[in-house]
Protein backbone atom coordinates (compact mmCIF):
# COMPACT_ATOMS: atom_id res chain seq x y z
CA MET A 1 0.00 0.00 0.00
CA LYS A 2 1.11 3.50 -0.74
CA GLN A 3 1.87 5.93 2.09
CA LEU A 4 1.33 9.67 1.78
CA THR A 5 2.52 12.66 3.75
CA VAL A 6 0.33 15.74 3.86
CA ARG A 7 2.10 19.00 4.61
CA HIS A 8 0.98 22.52 5.41
CA VAL A 9 -2.34 21.55 7.00
CA GLU A 10 -4.01 24.77 8.14
CA PRO A 11 -5.02 24.91 11.83
CA GLU A 12 -8.74 25.12 11.02
CA LEU A 13 -8.52 22.04 8.75
CA ALA A 14 -6.56 20.17 11.42
CA ALA A 15 -9.21 21.10 14.00
CA ALA A 16 -12.01 19.95 11.67
CA LEU A 17 -10.24 16.64 11.10
CA ASP A 18 -9.80 16.21 14.85
CA ARG A 19 -13.51 16.92 15.46
CA GLU A 20 -14.46 14.33 12.85
CA ARG A 21 -11.99 11.84 14.36
CA ARG A 22 -13.54 12.26 17.79
CA ARG A 23 -17.08 12.10 16.39
CA SER A 24 -16.42 8.86 14.53
CA GLY A 25 -14.30 7.31 17.29
CA SER A 26 -11.61 6.41 14.73
CA SER A 27 -7.93 7.17 14.40
CA LEU A 28 -6.87 10.25 12.47
CA ASN A 29 -5.48 8.04 9.69
CA GLN A 30 -8.76 6.09 9.38
CA THR A 31 -10.75 9.32 9.44
CA VAL A 32 -8.72 10.83 6.59
CA LEU A 33 -9.02 7.61 4.55
CA ASP A 34 -12.80 7.48 5.09
CA LEU A 35 -13.20 11.14 4.09
CA LEU A 36 -11.10 10.67 0.97
CA ARG A 37 -13.05 7.56 -0.05
CA ARG A 38 -16.38 9.36 0.34
CA ALA A 39 -15.19 12.51 -1.42
CA LEU A 40 -13.79 10.55 -4.36
CA GLY A 41 -16.61 7.99 -4.54
CA VAL A 42 -14.35 4.99 -3.99
CA SER A 43 -15.83 3.62 -0.78
CA ARG A 44 -14.97 -0.03 -0.17
CA GLU A 45 -18.18 -0.64 1.71
CA SER A 46 -21.66 -0.75 0.33
CA PRO A 47 -23.81 2.13 1.56
CA THR A 48 -25.94 1.33 4.57
CA GLY A 49 -28.47 3.29 6.56
CA ASN A 50 -31.18 5.64 5.47
CA GLY A 51 -29.06 8.69 4.69
CA LEU A 52 -30.18 10.68 7.72
CA ARG A 53 -26.87 10.44 9.59
CA GLU A 54 -25.53 13.34 7.52
CA PHE A 55 -28.34 15.55 8.85
CA ALA A 56 -28.94 14.11 12.31
CA GLY A 57 -25.43 13.00 13.22
CA GLY A 58 -24.56 9.80 14.97
CA TRP A 59 -22.74 8.35 17.91
CA SER A 60 -19.36 6.72 18.04
CA ALA A 61 -19.08 3.45 19.96
CA ALA A 62 -17.53 5.36 22.88
CA GLU A 63 -20.41 7.87 22.95
CA HIS A 64 -22.94 5.04 22.86
CA ASP A 65 -21.20 3.28 25.77
CA ALA A 66 -21.13 6.51 27.79
CA PHE A 67 -24.87 7.01 27.17
CA GLU A 68 -25.64 3.44 28.26
CA ARG A 69 -23.62 3.91 31.47
CA ALA A 70 -25.40 7.20 32.19
CA CYS A 71 -28.80 5.49 31.82
CA GLU A 72 -28.07 2.47 34.03
CA ASP A 73 -29.93 4.01 36.99
CA PHE A 74 -33.12 4.16 34.93
CA GLU A 75 -33.04 0.38 34.51
CA ARG A 76 -33.11 -0.30 38.25
CA VAL A 77 -36.47 -0.83 39.95
CA ASP A 78 -36.94 0.87 43.33
CA GLU A 79 -38.79 -1.87 45.19
CA GLY A 80 -39.85 0.58 47.91
CA ALA A 81 -41.67 2.75 45.39
CA TRP A 82 -43.76 -0.20 44.24
CA ARG A 83 -45.16 -1.14 47.65
């Protein structure tokens, strides 16, 4: 596989890439590859979903796990409240 070096990345572009990296929960390298594939129409994966993620956003695996942990208390039944 070919390796590339990208130079002179403006601070605002670097910040945008970092935001996307955090949002997707991927490495910076994987994020750049995914963005390039989408922009150039050479995605290796078949499209999935209903197309709303672009408008509504989505959660990374880490964000999903954090949400599940935050909601654990709602899954517990307070036996005293039911008597």
